[in-house]
Amino acid sequence: MVTWTIHTPGSTQWTVLSLRGELDLYAVDELRRPVLTAIAAHGPWLAVDLTAVNFIDTTGLGMLVRLLNKLREKNGDLALIGPRGQVKRILQWTNLNRLFPVFDSAAAIPEPARN
């Protein structure tokens, strides 16, 4: 089970999706619509806070990769915040930690370059 919040700090272009629990098949299905709505409303810069995520499966990884591709098509990006434990190990084992920019906190994410 996953709980989540989406917020856009006023001083940044990044929308932050904070997750807690397990990022699995059930969570991905639940998150799809609100995440796409947030991207449409706030722009193509999404930071996913994984600090409180204790499990991720291939469905969760696939969701992150699909979101990354969608955002980059719109000249945006997807950053990961604070993966720990099993989540961090899975990202390393799959080399996805090289695909995504990973930061310790939302405050550490640089602002996107202006075009």
C-alpha atoms as a PDB file:
ATOM      1  CA  MET A   1       0.000   0.000   0.000  1.00  0.00           C
ATOM      2  CA  VAL A   2       1.175   3.514  -0.754  1.00  0.00           C
ATOM      3  CA  THR A   3       0.152   6.916   0.511  1.00  0.00           C
ATOM      4  CA  TRP A   4       1.168  10.011  -1.368  1.00  0.00           C
ATOM      5  CA  THR A   5       1.044  13.778  -1.585  1.00  0.00           C
ATOM      6  CA  ILE A   6       1.758  16.085  -4.486  1.00  0.00           C
ATOM      7  CA  HIS A   7       2.867  19.645  -3.902  1.00  0.00           C
ATOM      8  CA  THR A   8       4.617  22.407  -5.776  1.00  0.00           C
ATOM      9  CA  PRO A   9       6.788  24.570  -3.564  1.00  0.00           C
ATOM     10  CA  GLY A  10       6.251  28.178  -4.615  1.00  0.00           C
ATOM     11  CA  SER A  11       9.932  28.905  -5.137  1.00  0.00           C
ATOM     12  CA  THR A  12      10.671  26.124  -7.631  1.00  0.00           C
ATOM     13  CA  GLN A  13       9.534  24.714 -10.961  1.00  0.00           C
ATOM     14  CA  TRP A  14       9.650  21.184  -9.532  1.00  0.00           C
ATOM     15  CA  THR A  15       6.496  19.373  -8.488  1.00  0.00           C
ATOM     16  CA  VAL A  16       7.229  16.974  -5.623  1.00  0.00           C
ATOM     17  CA  LEU A  17       5.479  13.614  -5.386  1.00  0.00           C
ATOM     18  CA  SER A  18       6.101  12.261  -1.877  1.00  0.00           C
ATOM     19  CA  LEU A  19       5.469   8.545  -1.478  1.00  0.00           C
ATOM     20  CA  ARG A  20       5.221   6.380   1.635  1.00  0.00           C
ATOM     21  CA  GLY A  21       4.997   2.587   1.654  1.00  0.00           C
ATOM     22  CA  GLU A  22       5.301   0.249  -1.325  1.00  0.00           C
ATOM     23  CA  LEU A  23       5.627   1.285  -4.971  1.00  0.00           C
ATOM     24  CA  ASP A  24       4.118  -1.779  -6.631  1.00  0.00           C
ATOM     25  CA  LEU A  25       1.422  -2.765  -9.116  1.00  0.00           C
ATOM     26  CA  TYR A  26      -1.391  -1.482  -6.908  1.00  0.00           C
ATOM     27  CA  ALA A  27       0.328   1.817  -6.159  1.00  0.00           C
ATOM     28  CA  VAL A  28       1.142   2.478  -9.815  1.00  0.00           C
ATOM     29  CA  ASP A  29      -2.494   2.011 -10.776  1.00  0.00           C
ATOM     30  CA  GLU A  30      -3.577   4.397  -8.000  1.00  0.00           C
ATOM     31  CA  LEU A  31      -0.961   7.053  -8.852  1.00  0.00           C
ATOM     32  CA  ARG A  32      -1.326   7.200 -12.629  1.00  0.00           C
ATOM     33  CA  ARG A  33      -4.143   9.752 -12.928  1.00  0.00           C
ATOM     34  CA  PRO A  34      -3.101  12.190 -10.155  1.00  0.00           C
ATOM     35  CA  VAL A  35       0.510  12.261 -11.353  1.00  0.00           C
ATOM     36  CA  LEU A  36      -0.449  12.953 -14.966  1.00  0.00           C
ATOM     37  CA  THR A  37      -2.866  15.649 -13.793  1.00  0.00           C
ATOM     38  CA  ALA A  38      -0.117  17.288 -11.722  1.00  0.00           C
ATOM     39  CA  ILE A  39       2.288  17.258 -14.673  1.00  0.00           C
ATOM     40  CA  ALA A  40      -0.344  18.827 -16.934  1.00  0.00           C
ATOM     41  CA  ALA A  41      -1.102  21.514 -14.343  1.00  0.00           C
ATOM     42  CA  HIS A  42       2.389  22.343 -13.096  1.00  0.00           C
ATOM     43  CA  GLY A  43       4.817  21.464 -15.881  1.00  0.00           C
ATOM     44  CA  PRO A  44       7.289  18.739 -16.807  1.00  0.00           C
ATOM     45  CA  TRP A  45       9.596  18.860 -13.758  1.00  0.00           C
ATOM     46  CA  LEU A  46       8.776  16.086 -11.287  1.00  0.00           C
ATOM     47  CA  ALA A  47      10.749  15.050  -8.201  1.00  0.00           C
ATOM     48  CA  VAL A  48       9.709  11.744  -6.646  1.00  0.00           C
ATOM     49  CA  ASP A  49      10.526  11.576  -2.946  1.00  0.00           C
ATOM     50  CA  LEU A  50      11.328   7.939  -2.167  1.00  0.00           C
ATOM     51  CA  THR A  51      12.612   8.567   1.355  1.00  0.00           C
ATOM     52  CA  ALA A  52       9.688   6.691   2.952  1.00  0.00           C
ATOM     53  CA  VAL A  53       9.324   3.990   0.283  1.00  0.00           C
ATOM     54  CA  ASN A  54      10.398   0.620   1.680  1.00  0.00           C
ATOM     55  CA  PHE A  55       9.684  -1.567  -1.372  1.00  0.00           C
ATOM     56  CA  ILE A  56       9.668  -1.180  -5.144  1.00  0.00           C
ATOM     57  CA  ASP A  57       8.946  -3.833  -7.767  1.00  0.00           C
ATOM     58  CA  THR A  58       9.358  -3.915 -11.543  1.00  0.00           C
ATOM     59  CA  THR A  59       6.004  -2.197 -12.011  1.00  0.00           C
ATOM     60  CA  GLY A  60       7.169   0.714  -9.855  1.00  0.00           C
ATOM     61  CA  LEU A  61      10.480   0.901 -11.723  1.00  0.00           C
ATOM     62  CA  GLY A  62       8.604   0.820 -15.026  1.00  0.00           C
ATOM     63  CA  MET A  63       6.376   3.685 -13.918  1.00  0.00           C
ATOM     64  CA  LEU A  64       9.425   5.807 -13.072  1.00  0.00           C
ATOM     65  CA  VAL A  65      11.053   5.082 -16.457  1.00  0.00           C
ATOM     66  CA  ARG A  66       7.820   5.843 -18.358  1.00  0.00           C
ATOM     67  CA  LEU A  67       7.389   9.107 -16.451  1.00  0.00           C
ATOM     68  CA  LEU A  68      11.006  10.037 -17.151  1.00  0.00           C
ATOM     69  CA  ASN A  69      10.518   9.464 -20.886  1.00  0.00           C
ATOM     70  CA  LYS A  70       7.246  11.420 -20.925  1.00  0.00           C
ATOM     71  CA  LEU A  71       8.798  14.360 -19.069  1.00  0.00           C
ATOM     72  CA  ARG A  72      11.922  14.451 -21.239  1.00  0.00           C
ATOM     73  CA  GLU A  73       9.707  14.486 -24.346  1.00  0.00           C
ATOM     74  CA  LYS A  74       8.275  17.715 -22.892  1.00  0.00           C
ATOM     75  CA  ASN A  75      11.792  19.097 -22.207  1.00  0.00           C
ATOM     76  CA  GLY A  76      11.443  18.317 -18.504  1.00  0.00           C
ATOM     77  CA  ASP A  77      12.987  15.774 -16.176  1.00  0.00           C
ATOM     78  CA  LEU A  78      12.323  13.416 -13.295  1.00  0.00           C
ATOM     79  CA  ALA A  79      14.547  13.450 -10.215  1.00  0.00           C
ATOM     80  CA  LEU A  80      14.572  10.988  -7.345  1.00  0.00           C
ATOM     81  CA  ILE A  81      14.903  12.077  -3.733  1.00  0.00           C
ATOM     82  CA  GLY A  82      16.412   9.952  -0.984  1.00  0.00           C
ATOM     83  CA  PRO A  83      16.070   6.321  -2.068  1.00  0.00           C
ATOM     84  CA  ARG A  84      17.099   4.056   0.824  1.00  0.00           C
ATOM     85  CA  GLY A  85      17.469   0.383   1.678  1.00  0.00           C
ATOM     86  CA  GLN A  86      15.885  -2.038  -0.789  1.00  0.00           C
ATOM     87  CA  VAL A  87      14.839   0.766  -3.128  1.00  0.00           C
ATOM     88  CA  LYS A  88      18.385   2.133  -3.372  1.00  0.00           C
ATOM     89  CA  ARG A  89      19.817  -1.372  -3.934  1.00  0.00           C
ATOM     90  CA  ILE A  90      17.312  -2.136  -6.710  1.00  0.00           C
ATOM     91  CA  LEU A  91      18.118   1.162  -8.451  1.00  0.00           C
ATOM     92  CA  GLN A  92      21.834   0.309  -8.253  1.00  0.00           C
ATOM     93  CA  TRP A  93      21.443  -3.326  -9.379  1.00  0.00           C
ATOM     94  CA  THR A  94      19.401  -2.252 -12.400  1.00  0.00           C
ATOM     95  CA  ASN A  95      21.704   0.723 -13.125  1.00  0.00           C
ATOM     96  CA  LEU A  96      18.647   2.986 -13.062  1.00  0.00           C
ATOM     97  CA  ASN A  97      20.503   5.194 -10.578  1.00  0.00           C
ATOM     98  CA  ARG A  98      22.543   6.268 -13.637  1.00  0.00           C
ATOM     99  CA  LEU A  99      19.425   7.152 -15.623  1.00  0.00           C
ATOM    100  CA  PHE A 100      17.779   9.361 -12.999  1.00  0.00           C
ATOM    101  CA  PRO A 101      19.331  12.310 -11.216  1.00  0.00           C
ATOM    102  CA  VAL A 102      19.278  11.329  -7.513  1.00  0.00           C
ATOM    103  CA  PHE A 103      19.382  13.852  -4.648  1.00  0.00           C
ATOM    104  CA  ASP A 104      19.366  13.661  -0.859  1.00  0.00           C
ATOM    105  CA  SER A 105      16.598  16.267  -0.491  1.00  0.00           C
ATOM    106  CA  ALA A 106      14.249  18.441  -2.538  1.00  0.00           C
ATOM    107  CA  ALA A 107      16.313  21.481  -1.558  1.00  0.00           C
ATOM    108  CA  ALA A 108      19.373  19.922  -3.248  1.00  0.00           C
ATOM    109  CA  ILE A 109      17.710  19.746  -6.682  1.00  0.00           C
ATOM    110  CA  PRO A 110      18.941  22.558  -8.937  1.00  0.00           C
ATOM    111  CA  GLU A 111      16.439  24.667 -10.801  1.00  0.00           C
ATOM    112  CA  PRO A 112      16.030  23.727 -14.473  1.00  0.00           C
ATOM    113  CA  ALA A 113      17.900  25.835 -17.011  1.00  0.00           C
ATOM    114  CA  ARG A 114      15.670  28.372 -18.706  1.00  0.00           C
ATOM    115  CA  ASN A 115      15.314  27.991 -22.478  1.00  0.00           C
END
